[in-house]
Amino acid sequence: MSSQTPQSSPRFSVLSCQQTRRLDAILRESVPIHGRGNFPTLSCQPRHLVQVVRHRLEQNGILVHKVKLNGSAASHVLHEDSGLGYKDLDLIFMVDLKGPDAFQVVKHAVLDCLLDFLPAGVNKEKITPMTLKEAYVQKLVKVCTESDRWSLISLSNNNGKNIELKFVDTLRRQFEFSVDSFQILLDSMLAVNQSSETASSQSFRPTVTGESMYGDFEEAMDHLRNRVIATRNPEEIRGGGLLKYCNLLVRGFKPKSEVDMKTMQRYMCSRYFIDFPDIREQLRKLKCYLQDHFVGMEDKRYDYLMTLHNVVNESTVCLMGHERRQTLTLIASLAVQVLSEQNPVPAIPNFTCYYQPATFMRDGNYSSYYLTPVQPVVSCSHSYQTWLPCCN
């Protein structure tokens, strides 16, 4: 954690009254956590959930130093018309995870909190943490290395608006691009015992501080307002930031420097191939990304895949290996599938379609492609059913 204060570093800035009101509205919005099977939908305000989780963690000996709003929701608070939109609510709890059982304590504390949000009349006595995990958790991730100690618990929402609780002891890289580098400190908001009348009054304005992990807050804000793509050291990002970069391009963002970005694209692609060398893992990652980031924007999925195809093709032109060809073929195959879903064959009597498969479809790694009724992109709800391995 940085020892710099808002007064001594350009990476901090105090939120305006309008930004603070937008933040308060997000924290007070009722967000459903959808249960699987017969489990009921939980309804909670992010503000209330944070308070309950924080209290339960401290009851179990996990000190919470700070709580922050991160990601696209933080960008939305700072600039409403950013072009990024926001779905997930990314909440960061800065905690100590040094003890041997700290990760398990955090997981069980969060799952135990979900009991508080079950509707009245539900018999809670026989509901175990494992049952709650299977019913309400979208993802469970644990990272434990020399440089990174953090975990993520993502709570399910059928509309893609997951509440993501990240518990961070140390994390080297906390952003991909300058426009998603913002974090908003929530402690001053949470410390005030507000009534609805107080929150809506013109005089209400706790001092709330924002921070840009990119470095210079005002420079990052300028990128957000003008839809500029800028980053540094993309080789430090898992996956190189490649998927997010193409998403920004599709949303109308432009590189700060075309020349510099061409170089960075090569770094992005190199890191992408390092982190996801297996074609099956790439397929899973791409399908999950399409599902998670294009809710309500399904018509943009084809444009996204073609943009990704072009970037990979341009940036790896000197790499003619089997992995590159497989990746380009995979992206093209997905694009064809998405295009057919966006333009389904009309239901005409006696309609006959003669389809000649492309040569890559004969590859055993790919299933044959048929014209079928529209199917949703495969669910990623069980992508992380257990904790990832802890590296000692």
Protein backbone atom coordinates (compact mmCIF):
# COMPACT_ATOMS: atom_id res chain seq x y z
CA MET A 1 0.00 0.00 0.00
CA SER A 2 1.20 3.47 -0.86
CA SER A 3 2.30 5.80 1.93
CA GLN A 4 1.58 8.86 -0.17
CA THR A 5 -1.36 11.08 0.73
CA PRO A 6 -3.77 12.91 -1.57
CA GLN A 7 -1.95 16.16 -0.79
CA SER A 8 1.47 14.80 -1.77
CA SER A 9 0.74 12.77 -4.89
CA PRO A 10 -0.85 13.57 -8.25
CA ARG A 11 -2.35 10.07 -8.29
CA PHE A 12 -5.11 11.17 -5.85
CA SER A 13 -8.04 13.54 -6.27
CA VAL A 14 -11.07 14.51 -4.19
CA LEU A 15 -14.41 13.69 -5.80
CA SER A 16 -16.83 16.47 -6.68
CA CYS A 17 -20.30 16.71 -5.13
CA GLN A 18 -21.87 15.28 -8.31
CA GLN A 19 -19.43 12.36 -8.38
CA THR A 20 -20.09 11.67 -4.70
CA ARG A 21 -23.85 11.56 -5.31
CA ARG A 22 -23.32 9.11 -8.19
CA LEU A 23 -21.22 6.94 -5.89
CA ASP A 24 -23.89 7.03 -3.18
CA ALA A 25 -26.55 5.98 -5.71
CA ILE A 26 -24.46 2.95 -6.77
CA LEU A 27 -23.84 1.90 -3.18
CA ARG A 28 -27.56 2.18 -2.33
CA GLU A 29 -28.83 0.39 -5.43
CA SER A 30 -30.53 -2.92 -4.72
CA VAL A 31 -28.54 -5.62 -6.54
CA PRO A 32 -29.94 -9.17 -6.81
CA ILE A 33 -27.73 -12.17 -6.11
CA HIS A 34 -29.39 -14.99 -8.00
CA GLY A 35 -29.46 -18.47 -6.53
CA ARG A 36 -29.20 -21.66 -8.53
CA GLY A 37 -31.89 -24.31 -8.46
CA ASN A 38 -34.49 -23.68 -5.75
CA PHE A 39 -32.40 -21.17 -3.83
CA PRO A 40 -34.10 -17.77 -3.54
CA THR A 41 -32.73 -14.53 -4.97
CA LEU A 42 -30.93 -12.41 -2.40
CA SER A 43 -31.39 -8.66 -2.56
CA CYS A 44 -28.80 -6.37 -1.02
CA GLN A 45 -27.35 -2.92 -1.28
CA PRO A 46 -23.58 -2.96 -1.92
CA ARG A 47 -23.17 -0.56 1.00
CA HIS A 48 -24.90 -2.94 3.38
CA LEU A 49 -23.02 -5.97 2.04
CA VAL A 50 -19.65 -4.25 2.52
CA GLN A 51 -20.54 -3.35 6.11
CA VAL A 52 -21.65 -6.89 6.93
CA VAL A 53 -18.60 -8.49 5.30
CA ARG A 54 -16.22 -6.07 7.00
CA HIS A 55 -17.80 -6.69 10.41
CA ARG A 56 -17.71 -10.49 9.94
CA LEU A 57 -14.04 -10.42 8.83
CA GLU A 58 -12.98 -8.38 11.84
CA GLN A 59 -14.95 -10.69 14.12
CA ASN A 60 -12.78 -13.49 12.74
CA GLY A 61 -9.50 -11.64 13.24
CA ILE A 62 -9.02 -10.28 9.68
CA LEU A 63 -8.35 -6.55 9.93
CA VAL A 64 -9.73 -4.51 7.00
CA HIS A 65 -7.49 -1.50 6.34
CA LYS A 66 -9.49 0.06 3.49
CA VAL A 67 -12.42 -0.67 1.21
CA LYS A 68 -12.39 0.58 -2.40
CA LEU A 69 -14.64 0.61 -5.44
CA ASN A 70 -12.69 -0.51 -8.49
CA GLY A 71 -13.05 -1.07 -12.22
CA SER A 72 -15.76 0.18 -14.58
CA ALA A 73 -18.09 1.23 -11.74
CA ALA A 74 -15.39 3.56 -10.39
CA SER A 75 -14.85 4.96 -13.90
CA HIS A 76 -18.61 5.52 -14.20
CA VAL A 77 -18.66 7.45 -10.92
CA LEU A 78 -15.86 9.72 -12.11
CA HIS A 79 -17.20 10.23 -15.66
CA GLU A 80 -20.76 9.16 -16.39
CA ASP A 81 -20.38 9.18 -20.18
CA SER A 82 -17.11 7.24 -20.33
CA GLY A 83 -18.22 4.81 -23.03
CA LEU A 84 -17.14 1.91 -20.83
CA GLY A 85 -20.48 1.31 -19.17
CA TYR A 86 -20.44 -0.78 -16.03
CA LYS A 87 -21.90 -4.08 -14.93
CA ASP A 88 -19.85 -5.73 -12.22
CA LEU A 89 -19.42 -4.00 -8.90
CA ASP A 90 -15.75 -4.57 -8.01
CA LEU A 91 -15.15 -4.06 -4.30
CA ILE A 92 -11.62 -4.33 -2.89
CA PHE A 93 -10.95 -5.09 0.77
CA MET A 94 -7.36 -4.31 1.75
CA VAL A 95 -6.58 -6.99 4.35
CA ASP A 96 -3.75 -9.02 5.89
CA LEU A 97 -3.56 -12.56 4.49
CA LYS A 98 -0.36 -13.66 6.17
CA GLY A 99 -1.64 -16.48 8.37
CA PRO A 100 -1.85 -20.06 7.09
CA ASP A 101 -5.64 -20.11 7.39
CA ALA A 102 -6.37 -16.52 6.34
CA PHE A 103 -7.77 -17.40 2.91
CA GLN A 104 -10.14 -19.98 4.37
CA VAL A 105 -11.26 -17.56 7.08
CA VAL A 106 -12.10 -14.95 4.42
CA LYS A 107 -14.03 -17.44 2.29
CA HIS A 108 -16.09 -18.79 5.17
CA ALA A 109 -16.77 -15.29 6.53
CA VAL A 110 -18.19 -14.14 3.19
CA LEU A 111 -20.31 -17.26 2.75
CA ASP A 112 -21.59 -16.88 6.30
CA CYS A 113 -22.65 -13.30 5.48
CA LEU A 114 -24.96 -14.58 2.75
CA LEU A 115 -27.14 -16.16 5.44
CA ASP A 116 -28.02 -12.64 6.64
CA PHE A 117 -29.58 -11.84 3.26
CA LEU A 118 -31.78 -14.93 2.96
CA PRO A 119 -35.51 -14.13 3.05
CA ALA A 120 -37.39 -14.47 6.33
CA GLY A 121 -38.72 -17.95 6.93
CA VAL A 122 -35.82 -19.81 5.32
CA ASN A 123 -34.43 -22.52 7.60
CA LYS A 124 -30.74 -21.61 7.83
CA GLU A 125 -29.64 -24.30 10.26
CA LYS A 126 -28.86 -26.99 7.68
CA ILE A 127 -27.35 -24.68 5.04
CA THR A 128 -23.60 -25.31 4.92
CA PRO A 129 -20.88 -23.03 3.46
CA MET A 130 -20.43 -25.53 0.62
CA THR A 131 -24.14 -25.30 -0.19
CA LEU A 132 -24.00 -21.50 -0.23
CA LYS A 133 -20.96 -21.59 -2.51
CA GLU A 134 -22.70 -23.83 -5.03
CA ALA A 135 -25.88 -21.73 -4.86
CA TYR A 136 -24.59 -18.16 -5.03
CA VAL A 137 -20.91 -18.00 -6.06
CA GLN A 138 -19.95 -17.44 -9.71
CA LYS A 139 -16.17 -17.59 -9.27
CA LEU A 140 -13.71 -18.42 -6.52
CA VAL A 141 -10.09 -17.48 -7.15
CA LYS A 142 -7.10 -17.66 -4.85
CA VAL A 143 -3.63 -16.37 -5.76
CA CYS A 144 -0.80 -16.97 -3.33
CA THR A 145 2.71 -16.27 -4.61
CA GLU A 146 5.73 -14.34 -3.39
CA SER A 147 4.48 -11.11 -4.98
CA ASP A 148 0.69 -11.57 -5.09
CA ARG A 149 -1.60 -12.60 -2.23
CA TRP A 150 -5.27 -12.08 -2.93
CA SER A 151 -8.57 -13.85 -3.45
CA LEU A 152 -11.76 -13.14 -5.37
CA ILE A 153 -15.32 -14.19 -4.59
CA SER A 154 -17.81 -13.29 -7.34
CA LEU A 155 -21.50 -13.46 -6.44
CA SER A 156 -23.88 -14.54 -9.21
CA ASN A 157 -26.18 -12.29 -11.18
CA ASN A 158 -28.07 -13.63 -14.20
CA ASN A 159 -27.78 -10.27 -15.99
CA GLY A 160 -23.99 -10.13 -15.71
CA LYS A 161 -24.02 -7.57 -12.88
CA ASN A 162 -21.98 -9.63 -10.45
CA ILE A 163 -20.79 -8.30 -7.11
CA GLU A 164 -17.08 -9.11 -7.03
CA LEU A 165 -15.40 -9.08 -3.64
CA LYS A 166 -11.61 -9.01 -3.88
CA PHE A 167 -9.49 -9.43 -0.75
CA VAL A 168 -6.01 -8.05 -1.34
CA ASP A 169 -2.89 -8.32 0.77
CA THR A 170 -0.43 -7.66 -2.06
CA LEU A 171 -1.07 -7.24 -5.78
CA ARG A 172 1.64 -6.02 -8.14
CA ARG A 173 -0.61 -4.97 -11.02
CA GLN A 174 -4.00 -3.45 -10.22
CA PHE A 175 -5.01 -2.11 -13.64
CA GLU A 176 -4.77 -2.90 -17.34
CA PHE A 177 -5.25 0.53 -18.99
CA SER A 178 -5.35 4.06 -17.64
CA VAL A 179 -9.13 4.29 -18.12
CA ASP A 180 -9.75 1.34 -15.77
CA SER A 181 -7.05 2.28 -13.25
CA PHE A 182 -9.35 4.19 -10.86
CA GLN A 183 -10.11 3.19 -7.30
CA ILE A 184 -12.42 5.12 -4.98
CA LEU A 185 -11.88 4.95 -1.22
CA LEU A 186 -15.22 4.15 0.41
CA ASP A 187 -14.35 4.44 4.09
CA SER A 188 -15.63 8.00 4.51
CA MET A 189 -18.94 7.06 2.89
CA LEU A 190 -19.28 3.96 5.03
CA ALA A 191 -18.38 5.80 8.22
CA VAL A 192 -21.28 8.21 7.95
CA ASN A 193 -24.54 6.82 9.31
CA GLN A 194 -26.73 8.36 6.61
CA SER A 195 -30.47 8.51 6.37
CA SER A 196 -32.10 8.84 2.95
CA GLU A 197 -32.90 12.47 3.68
CA THR A 198 -29.31 13.25 4.61
CA ALA A 199 -27.94 11.59 1.50
CA SER A 200 -30.19 13.57 -0.80
CA SER A 201 -29.68 16.95 0.85
CA GLN A 202 -27.57 19.55 -0.91
CA SER A 203 -25.35 19.98 2.16
CA PHE A 204 -24.41 16.31 2.33
CA ARG A 205 -20.90 15.75 1.01
CA PRO A 206 -18.41 13.54 2.80
CA THR A 207 -14.87 13.93 1.50
CA VAL A 208 -14.27 11.01 -0.85
CA THR A 209 -10.90 10.39 -2.48
CA GLY A 210 -10.19 8.73 -5.80
CA GLU A 211 -6.89 7.23 -6.86
CA SER A 212 -5.42 6.28 -10.23
CA MET A 213 -3.17 3.22 -10.09
CA TYR A 214 -1.85 4.31 -13.51
CA GLY A 215 -0.04 7.15 -11.75
CA ASP A 216 -1.29 10.61 -12.70
CA PHE A 217 -4.97 11.04 -11.85
CA GLU A 218 -5.63 14.00 -14.13
CA GLU A 219 -3.86 12.36 -17.07
CA ALA A 220 -5.94 9.20 -16.59
CA MET A 221 -9.12 11.32 -16.33
CA ASP A 222 -8.22 13.05 -19.60
CA HIS A 223 -7.89 9.61 -21.23
CA LEU A 224 -11.30 8.62 -19.82
CA ARG A 225 -13.03 11.78 -21.08
CA ASN A 226 -11.47 11.55 -24.55
CA ARG A 227 -11.59 7.75 -24.89
CA VAL A 228 -7.84 7.29 -25.18
CA ILE A 229 -6.08 3.92 -24.84
CA ALA A 230 -2.87 4.12 -22.83
CA THR A 231 -1.00 1.69 -20.62
CA ARG A 232 2.47 0.76 -19.55
CA ASN A 233 4.32 -2.54 -19.27
CA PRO A 234 1.54 -4.72 -20.74
CA GLU A 235 3.79 -7.73 -20.29
CA GLU A 236 2.98 -7.47 -16.55
CA ILE A 237 -0.75 -8.06 -17.20
CA ARG A 238 -2.10 -11.60 -17.23
CA GLY A 239 -3.07 -12.20 -20.83
CA GLY A 240 -1.26 -9.01 -21.78
CA GLY A 241 -4.47 -6.97 -21.66
CA LEU A 242 -5.18 -8.16 -25.20
CA LEU A 243 -8.88 -8.94 -24.75
CA LYS A 244 -9.58 -5.66 -22.95
CA TYR A 245 -7.60 -3.71 -25.55
CA CYS A 246 -9.77 -5.05 -28.39
CA ASN A 247 -12.88 -4.31 -26.32
CA LEU A 248 -11.79 -0.68 -26.01
CA LEU A 249 -11.20 -0.47 -29.77
CA VAL A 250 -14.72 -1.75 -30.47
CA ARG A 251 -16.15 0.83 -28.05
CA GLY A 252 -14.56 3.67 -30.00
CA PHE A 253 -11.41 4.25 -27.94
CA LYS A 254 -8.25 5.25 -29.82
CA PRO A 255 -4.60 4.57 -28.94
CA LYS A 256 -2.70 7.52 -27.51
CA SER A 257 0.11 6.80 -29.96
CA GLU A 258 -0.38 4.52 -32.97
CA VAL A 259 3.36 3.83 -33.20
CA ASP A 260 3.79 3.02 -29.51
CA MET A 261 0.62 0.94 -29.45
CA LYS A 262 1.78 -1.23 -32.35
CA THR A 263 4.82 -2.12 -30.25
CA MET A 264 2.63 -2.72 -27.20
CA GLN A 265 0.30 -4.94 -29.24
CA ARG A 266 3.23 -7.29 -29.81
CA TYR A 267 3.89 -7.41 -26.07
CA MET A 268 0.19 -8.06 -25.45
CA CYS A 269 0.09 -10.94 -27.89
CA SER A 270 3.33 -12.43 -26.57
CA ARG A 271 2.03 -12.41 -23.02
CA TYR A 272 -1.32 -13.77 -24.20
CA PHE A 273 0.36 -16.80 -25.81
CA ILE A 274 2.51 -17.32 -22.72
CA ASP A 275 -0.46 -17.28 -20.33
CA PHE A 276 -2.89 -19.17 -22.59
CA PRO A 277 -0.82 -21.53 -24.77
CA ASP A 278 -3.51 -24.22 -24.90
CA ILE A 279 -6.18 -23.75 -27.56
CA ARG A 280 -8.90 -25.14 -25.27
CA GLU A 281 -8.04 -22.61 -22.58
CA GLN A 282 -8.17 -19.85 -25.20
CA LEU A 283 -11.61 -21.05 -26.29
CA ARG A 284 -12.90 -21.07 -22.73
CA LYS A 285 -11.40 -17.64 -22.04
CA LEU A 286 -12.87 -16.10 -25.19
CA LYS A 287 -16.35 -17.51 -24.65
CA CYS A 288 -16.38 -16.34 -21.04
CA TYR A 289 -15.19 -12.89 -22.11
CA LEU A 290 -17.93 -12.60 -24.73
CA GLN A 291 -20.55 -13.61 -22.20
CA ASP A 292 -19.31 -11.36 -19.40
CA HIS A 293 -18.54 -8.19 -21.35
CA PHE A 294 -21.22 -7.96 -24.03
CA VAL A 295 -24.45 -8.21 -22.05
CA GLY A 296 -26.89 -5.98 -23.94
CA MET A 297 -24.29 -5.52 -26.68
CA GLU A 298 -24.57 -8.89 -28.39
CA ASP A 299 -24.52 -7.20 -31.79
CA LYS A 300 -20.92 -6.08 -31.06
CA ARG A 301 -19.55 -9.58 -30.50
CA TYR A 302 -18.77 -10.19 -34.18
CA ASP A 303 -17.00 -6.81 -34.48
CA TYR A 304 -15.03 -7.66 -31.37
CA LEU A 305 -13.88 -11.04 -32.67
CA MET A 306 -12.83 -9.59 -36.02
CA THR A 307 -10.93 -6.81 -34.25
CA LEU A 308 -9.17 -9.40 -32.09
CA HIS A 309 -8.38 -11.48 -35.19
CA ASN A 310 -6.83 -8.48 -36.96
CA VAL A 311 -4.75 -7.43 -33.94
CA VAL A 312 -3.37 -10.95 -33.43
CA ASN A 313 -2.70 -11.31 -37.16
CA GLU A 314 -0.88 -7.97 -37.40
CA SER A 315 1.08 -8.32 -34.18
CA THR A 316 2.30 -11.89 -34.66
CA VAL A 317 3.09 -11.72 -38.37
CA CYS A 318 6.63 -12.90 -37.69
CA LEU A 319 5.38 -15.88 -35.69
CA MET A 320 4.13 -18.49 -38.14
CA GLY A 321 3.98 -21.29 -35.60
CA HIS A 322 1.21 -23.82 -35.06
CA GLU A 323 -0.10 -21.95 -31.96
CA ARG A 324 -0.64 -18.73 -33.88
CA ARG A 325 -2.46 -20.47 -36.73
CA GLN A 326 -4.67 -22.33 -34.27
CA THR A 327 -5.54 -19.10 -32.45
CA LEU A 328 -6.47 -17.25 -35.64
CA THR A 329 -8.55 -20.21 -36.80
CA LEU A 330 -10.31 -20.36 -33.44
CA ILE A 331 -11.19 -16.66 -33.50
CA ALA A 332 -12.44 -16.89 -37.09
CA SER A 333 -14.54 -19.94 -36.23
CA LEU A 334 -16.14 -18.15 -33.29
CA ALA A 335 -16.83 -15.11 -35.48
CA VAL A 336 -18.67 -17.30 -38.00
CA GLN A 337 -20.74 -18.82 -35.20
CA VAL A 338 -21.58 -15.43 -33.67
CA LEU A 339 -22.51 -13.99 -37.08
CA SER A 340 -24.91 -16.86 -37.70
CA GLU A 341 -26.51 -16.29 -34.30
CA GLN A 342 -27.00 -12.61 -35.08
CA ASN A 343 -28.44 -13.45 -38.52
CA PRO A 344 -30.30 -16.75 -38.03
CA VAL A 345 -31.54 -18.65 -41.06
CA PRO A 346 -35.24 -17.80 -41.55
CA ALA A 347 -37.77 -20.53 -40.86
CA ILE A 348 -38.85 -21.16 -44.48
CA PRO A 349 -40.66 -24.43 -45.40
CA ASN A 350 -38.52 -26.83 -47.43
CA PHE A 351 -35.47 -24.59 -46.89
CA THR A 352 -32.26 -26.40 -47.79
CA CYS A 353 -28.77 -25.15 -46.95
CA TYR A 354 -25.70 -26.62 -48.61
CA TYR A 355 -22.69 -25.89 -46.43
CA GLN A 356 -19.14 -26.75 -47.37
CA PRO A 357 -16.97 -26.85 -44.23
CA ALA A 358 -13.71 -24.93 -44.27
CA THR A 359 -10.52 -26.97 -44.13
CA PHE A 360 -9.87 -26.11 -40.49
CA MET A 361 -13.16 -27.75 -39.50
CA ARG A 362 -11.59 -31.12 -40.28
CA ASP A 363 -9.19 -30.52 -37.40
CA GLY A 364 -10.07 -32.83 -34.53
CA ASN A 365 -9.82 -29.92 -32.11
CA TYR A 366 -12.96 -28.35 -33.57
CA SER A 367 -16.47 -29.71 -33.65
CA SER A 368 -18.34 -29.44 -36.95
CA TYR A 369 -20.38 -26.31 -37.50
CA TYR A 370 -24.08 -26.52 -38.33
CA LEU A 371 -26.78 -23.92 -38.85
CA THR A 372 -28.87 -24.30 -35.70
CA PRO A 373 -31.26 -22.21 -33.63
CA VAL A 374 -29.57 -19.47 -31.61
CA GLN A 375 -27.86 -20.85 -28.54
CA PRO A 376 -26.42 -18.77 -25.69
CA VAL A 377 -22.67 -18.62 -25.30
CA VAL A 378 -21.59 -21.38 -22.94
CA SER A 379 -22.01 -20.55 -19.30
CA CYS A 380 -18.92 -19.92 -17.24
CA SER A 381 -20.74 -20.27 -13.95
CA HIS A 382 -18.61 -23.25 -12.94
CA SER A 383 -15.28 -22.14 -14.36
CA TYR A 384 -13.78 -21.83 -10.90
CA GLN A 385 -15.53 -24.43 -8.77
CA THR A 386 -12.64 -24.68 -6.36
CA TRP A 387 -9.78 -22.52 -5.19
CA LEU A 388 -6.89 -22.26 -7.61
CA PRO A 389 -3.70 -23.92 -6.34
CA CYS A 390 -1.75 -22.03 -3.73
CA CYS A 391 1.89 -21.72 -4.75
CA ASN A 392 4.25 -21.71 -1.81
